[in-house]
């Protein structure tokens, strides 16, 4: 009888790891039901309009490029439910926005505040345009003959 070679042991280890970690993404799905107001509109059309307008201005933290109104991510549904519940309770949309920014940071809003920390972000487009114009001016300037 021959012993197990180092190569065979390595292959067995790789196969075992594949079998262990292959089903892991299936466990990432939540088995919890969605929040009651995640996909259900409020009964008061005025309140629903306020909630919808606010949801259009909030970024989905999972999708990153979509608003929570447009996203199908579970977290976006939870955030929609939070917005609707707070609007239904009579809270003003701006207060809800501040609460969400406190909880998730400025990035959750499509309208980040202008403050000293974000000045470089606001100034960058203007600086890049100025630099581009300066480079283009130098490139297209007529040279004396």
Protein backbone atom coordinates (compact mmCIF):
# COMPACT_ATOMS: atom_id res chain seq x y z
CA UNK A 1 0.00 0.00 0.00
CA UNK A 2 1.32 3.39 -0.86
CA UNK A 3 0.86 6.57 1.20
CA UNK A 4 -0.98 9.71 0.18
CA UNK A 5 1.32 12.07 -1.68
CA UNK A 6 1.68 15.73 -0.91
CA UNK A 7 0.03 16.63 -4.23
CA UNK A 8 -3.01 14.45 -3.54
CA UNK A 9 -3.36 15.98 -0.08
CA UNK A 10 -3.24 19.48 -1.62
CA UNK A 11 -5.90 18.62 -4.18
CA UNK A 12 -8.07 17.12 -1.45
CA UNK A 13 -7.71 20.28 0.65
CA UNK A 14 -8.65 22.53 -2.29
CA UNK A 15 -11.72 20.39 -3.06
CA UNK A 16 -12.77 20.45 0.60
CA UNK A 17 -12.46 24.25 0.71
CA UNK A 18 -14.49 24.60 -2.50
CA UNK A 19 -17.23 22.39 -1.08
CA UNK A 20 -17.28 24.34 2.18
CA UNK A 21 -17.37 27.84 0.66
CA UNK A 22 -19.43 27.18 -2.48
CA UNK A 23 -22.86 27.42 -0.78
CA UNK A 24 -21.89 30.51 1.28
CA UNK A 25 -23.54 33.10 -1.06
CA UNK A 26 -26.86 31.28 -0.64
CA UNK A 27 -26.69 32.03 3.07
CA UNK A 28 -26.39 35.77 2.38
CA UNK A 29 -30.06 36.07 1.48
CA UNK A 30 -32.27 37.10 4.36
CA UNK A 31 -35.18 34.87 5.20
CA UNK A 32 -36.97 37.68 7.00
CA UNK A 33 -40.08 39.19 5.41
CA UNK A 34 -39.73 42.76 4.10
CA UNK A 35 -40.73 45.66 6.32
CA UNK A 36 -44.45 46.49 6.14
CA UNK A 37 -43.93 49.84 4.39
CA UNK A 38 -41.05 48.72 2.15
CA UNK A 39 -43.39 48.11 -0.79
CA UNK A 40 -46.68 49.49 0.53
CA UNK A 41 -47.65 53.10 0.07
CA UNK A 42 -49.10 55.23 2.85
CA UNK A 43 -52.88 55.64 2.86
CA UNK A 44 -52.62 59.46 2.91
CA UNK A 45 -51.60 60.64 -0.61
CA UNK A 46 -50.03 63.84 0.77
CA UNK A 47 -47.83 61.90 3.20
CA UNK A 48 -46.89 59.38 0.49
CA UNK A 49 -45.91 62.26 -1.83
CA UNK A 50 -43.67 63.69 0.92
CA UNK A 51 -42.10 60.28 1.55
CA UNK A 52 -41.59 59.62 -2.17
CA UNK A 53 -39.96 63.03 -2.71
CA UNK A 54 -37.58 62.36 0.19
CA UNK A 55 -36.80 58.82 -1.00
CA UNK A 56 -35.81 60.18 -4.42
CA UNK A 57 -33.07 62.27 -2.76
CA UNK A 58 -31.58 59.45 -0.66
CA UNK A 59 -28.91 57.12 -2.05
CA UNK A 60 -29.14 53.36 -1.64
CA UNK A 61 -26.14 52.25 0.39
CA UNK A 62 -26.02 48.88 -1.38
CA UNK A 63 -26.59 49.93 -5.01
CA UNK A 64 -24.79 53.26 -4.60
CA UNK A 65 -26.02 54.64 -7.92
CA UNK A 66 -29.75 54.40 -7.26
CA UNK A 67 -32.09 56.20 -4.94
CA UNK A 68 -33.85 54.14 -2.28
CA UNK A 69 -37.08 54.73 -4.22
CA UNK A 70 -35.67 52.90 -7.27
CA UNK A 71 -33.60 50.18 -5.61
CA UNK A 72 -34.74 46.61 -4.98
CA UNK A 73 -32.05 45.99 -2.36
CA UNK A 74 -33.28 44.77 1.01
CA UNK A 75 -31.60 47.67 2.81
CA UNK A 76 -33.29 50.17 0.49
CA UNK A 77 -36.63 48.56 1.39
CA UNK A 78 -35.82 48.95 5.08
CA UNK A 79 -34.89 52.60 4.52
CA UNK A 80 -38.14 53.21 2.57
CA UNK A 81 -40.06 51.69 5.45
CA UNK A 82 -38.23 53.93 7.96
CA UNK A 83 -39.02 57.02 5.87
CA UNK A 84 -42.70 56.09 5.50
CA UNK A 85 -43.11 55.23 9.18
CA UNK A 86 -41.58 58.54 10.26
CA UNK A 87 -43.63 60.55 7.74
CA UNK A 88 -46.77 58.74 8.94
CA UNK A 89 -45.85 59.66 12.53
CA UNK A 90 -45.84 63.34 11.47
CA UNK A 91 -42.10 63.95 11.29
CA UNK A 92 -40.93 66.54 8.75
CA UNK A 93 -38.92 65.26 5.75
CA UNK A 94 -35.93 67.49 6.59
CA UNK A 95 -35.79 66.04 10.11
CA UNK A 96 -35.89 62.53 8.65
CA UNK A 97 -33.07 63.45 6.24
CA UNK A 98 -30.94 64.77 9.13
CA UNK A 99 -31.60 61.59 11.12
CA UNK A 100 -30.58 59.37 8.18
CA UNK A 101 -27.42 61.46 7.61
CA UNK A 102 -26.54 61.12 11.31
CA UNK A 103 -27.09 57.38 11.09
CA UNK A 104 -25.45 56.62 7.71
CA UNK A 105 -23.26 59.67 7.00
CA UNK A 106 -23.38 62.45 4.39
CA UNK A 107 -22.95 59.94 1.59
CA UNK A 108 -26.57 58.77 1.92
CA UNK A 109 -27.78 62.12 0.56
CA UNK A 110 -27.53 63.11 -3.09
CA UNK A 111 -27.11 66.70 -1.82
CA UNK A 112 -23.98 66.63 0.37
CA UNK A 113 -23.41 69.73 2.50
CA UNK A 114 -20.84 72.37 1.59
CA UNK A 115 -18.48 72.55 4.54
CA UNK A 116 -14.70 72.86 4.93
CA UNK A 117 -14.24 69.10 4.75
CA UNK A 118 -16.04 68.87 1.37
CA UNK A 119 -14.67 72.06 -0.25
CA UNK A 120 -12.10 70.11 -2.31
CA UNK A 121 -14.91 67.99 -3.77
CA UNK A 122 -16.91 71.06 -4.73
CA UNK A 123 -13.86 72.93 -6.07
CA UNK A 124 -12.34 70.03 -8.05
CA UNK A 125 -14.52 70.40 -11.19
CA UNK A 126 -13.76 74.12 -11.43
CA UNK A 127 -10.03 73.52 -10.89
CA UNK A 128 -9.94 70.76 -13.52
CA UNK A 129 -11.74 72.99 -16.04
CA UNK A 130 -9.30 75.83 -15.35
CA UNK A 131 -6.33 73.48 -15.71
CA UNK A 132 -7.74 72.10 -18.96
CA UNK A 133 -8.29 75.61 -20.35
CA UNK A 134 -4.73 76.59 -19.36
CA UNK A 135 -3.30 73.49 -21.05
CA UNK A 136 -5.43 74.00 -24.17
CA UNK A 137 -4.36 77.67 -24.37
CA UNK A 138 -0.71 76.66 -24.24
CA UNK A 139 -1.22 73.90 -26.79
CA UNK A 140 -3.06 76.01 -29.34
CA UNK A 141 -1.10 79.24 -28.92
CA UNK A 142 0.50 80.41 -32.15
CA UNK A 143 4.22 80.28 -32.12
CA UNK A 144 6.17 83.22 -33.59
CA UNK A 145 8.04 82.39 -36.82
